[in-house]
Amino acid sequence: MLKAVILLLLIGVIISLCSGALFFFKDQGENKRTLYALGVRVTLAVLLMICITWGVLSGELTLNAPWHQ
């Protein structure tokens, strides 16, 4: 379940990044939509970091990288 939430948050960050770039080029700084997209992206990134930290600390996510073995 946690992996699905992390994946959805990551997809949300990518969508917010693309929409912010689109708003930036389309509006040329005349509108605040770029700043709103940045705020959404930062919020999603913070939630993503919280979910990953909680998953690692609770043991639901494990570190299986080759350099940790």
C-alpha atoms as a PDB file:
ATOM      1  CA  MET A   1       0.000   0.000   0.000  1.00  0.00           C
ATOM      2  CA  LEU A   2       2.799   2.406   0.908  1.00  0.00           C
ATOM      3  CA  LYS A   3       4.590   1.764  -2.373  1.00  0.00           C
ATOM      4  CA  ALA A   4       1.443   2.725  -4.276  1.00  0.00           C
ATOM      5  CA  VAL A   5       1.168   5.976  -2.308  1.00  0.00           C
ATOM      6  CA  ILE A   6       4.823   6.744  -3.024  1.00  0.00           C
ATOM      7  CA  LEU A   7       4.310   6.058  -6.710  1.00  0.00           C
ATOM      8  CA  LEU A   8       1.227   8.305  -6.848  1.00  0.00           C
ATOM      9  CA  LEU A   9       3.071  11.113  -5.091  1.00  0.00           C
ATOM     10  CA  LEU A  10       6.005  10.773  -7.496  1.00  0.00           C
ATOM     11  CA  ILE A  11       3.660  10.923 -10.485  1.00  0.00           C
ATOM     12  CA  GLY A  12       1.991  13.980  -8.933  1.00  0.00           C
ATOM     13  CA  VAL A  13       5.373  15.714  -8.566  1.00  0.00           C
ATOM     14  CA  ILE A  14       6.199  15.024 -12.219  1.00  0.00           C
ATOM     15  CA  ILE A  15       2.789  16.279 -13.397  1.00  0.00           C
ATOM     16  CA  SER A  16       3.166  19.415 -11.285  1.00  0.00           C
ATOM     17  CA  LEU A  17       6.640  19.992 -12.721  1.00  0.00           C
ATOM     18  CA  CYS A  18       5.352  19.709 -16.285  1.00  0.00           C
ATOM     19  CA  SER A  19       2.351  21.936 -15.632  1.00  0.00           C
ATOM     20  CA  GLY A  20       4.569  24.551 -13.981  1.00  0.00           C
ATOM     21  CA  ALA A  21       6.854  24.580 -17.018  1.00  0.00           C
ATOM     22  CA  LEU A  22       3.852  24.885 -19.317  1.00  0.00           C
ATOM     23  CA  PHE A  23       2.415  27.767 -17.280  1.00  0.00           C
ATOM     24  CA  PHE A  24       5.812  29.479 -17.207  1.00  0.00           C
ATOM     25  CA  PHE A  25       6.204  29.458 -20.970  1.00  0.00           C
ATOM     26  CA  LYS A  26       2.551  30.151 -21.737  1.00  0.00           C
ATOM     27  CA  ASP A  27       1.935  33.026 -19.297  1.00  0.00           C
ATOM     28  CA  GLN A  28       5.376  34.700 -19.486  1.00  0.00           C
ATOM     29  CA  GLY A  29       5.165  35.726 -15.824  1.00  0.00           C
ATOM     30  CA  GLU A  30       1.791  37.486 -16.073  1.00  0.00           C
ATOM     31  CA  ASN A  31      -0.089  34.960 -13.974  1.00  0.00           C
ATOM     32  CA  LYS A  32       0.560  33.269 -10.623  1.00  0.00           C
ATOM     33  CA  ARG A  33      -0.193  29.767 -11.877  1.00  0.00           C
ATOM     34  CA  THR A  34       3.531  28.973 -11.975  1.00  0.00           C
ATOM     35  CA  LEU A  35       3.861  29.822  -8.286  1.00  0.00           C
ATOM     36  CA  TYR A  36       0.828  27.705  -7.428  1.00  0.00           C
ATOM     37  CA  ALA A  37       2.336  24.764  -9.347  1.00  0.00           C
ATOM     38  CA  LEU A  38       5.571  25.262  -7.401  1.00  0.00           C
ATOM     39  CA  GLY A  39       3.648  25.216  -4.117  1.00  0.00           C
ATOM     40  CA  VAL A  40       1.872  22.009  -5.099  1.00  0.00           C
ATOM     41  CA  ARG A  41       5.166  20.432  -6.163  1.00  0.00           C
ATOM     42  CA  VAL A  42       6.899  21.346  -2.893  1.00  0.00           C
ATOM     43  CA  THR A  43       3.973  20.018  -0.858  1.00  0.00           C
ATOM     44  CA  LEU A  44       3.946  16.732  -2.768  1.00  0.00           C
ATOM     45  CA  ALA A  45       7.722  16.411  -2.424  1.00  0.00           C
ATOM     46  CA  VAL A  46       7.522  16.915   1.345  1.00  0.00           C
ATOM     47  CA  LEU A  47       4.761  14.300   1.592  1.00  0.00           C
ATOM     48  CA  LEU A  48       6.870  11.964  -0.532  1.00  0.00           C
ATOM     49  CA  MET A  49       9.870  12.361   1.770  1.00  0.00           C
ATOM     50  CA  ILE A  50       7.683  11.792   4.833  1.00  0.00           C
ATOM     51  CA  CYS A  51       6.232   8.595   3.316  1.00  0.00           C
ATOM     52  CA  ILE A  52       9.668   7.252   2.385  1.00  0.00           C
ATOM     53  CA  THR A  53      11.091   8.053   5.820  1.00  0.00           C
ATOM     54  CA  TRP A  54       8.123   6.464   7.553  1.00  0.00           C
ATOM     55  CA  GLY A  55       8.401   3.373   5.338  1.00  0.00           C
ATOM     56  CA  VAL A  56      12.101   2.917   6.066  1.00  0.00           C
ATOM     57  CA  LEU A  57      11.728   3.516   9.804  1.00  0.00           C
ATOM     58  CA  SER A  58       8.740   1.176  10.106  1.00  0.00           C
ATOM     59  CA  GLY A  59      10.493  -1.545   8.128  1.00  0.00           C
ATOM     60  CA  GLU A  60       7.967  -1.639   5.302  1.00  0.00           C
ATOM     61  CA  LEU A  61      10.594  -0.358   2.873  1.00  0.00           C
ATOM     62  CA  THR A  62      13.963  -2.050   3.002  1.00  0.00           C
ATOM     63  CA  LEU A  63      17.285  -0.962   1.617  1.00  0.00           C
ATOM     64  CA  ASN A  64      18.311  -3.673  -0.856  1.00  0.00           C
ATOM     65  CA  ALA A  65      21.079  -1.770  -2.602  1.00  0.00           C
ATOM     66  CA  PRO A  66      24.238  -3.767  -3.376  1.00  0.00           C
ATOM     67  CA  TRP A  67      26.412  -1.468  -1.257  1.00  0.00           C
ATOM     68  CA  HIS A  68      24.323  -2.190   1.865  1.00  0.00           C
ATOM     69  CA  GLN A  69      24.971  -5.939   1.827  1.00  0.00           C
END
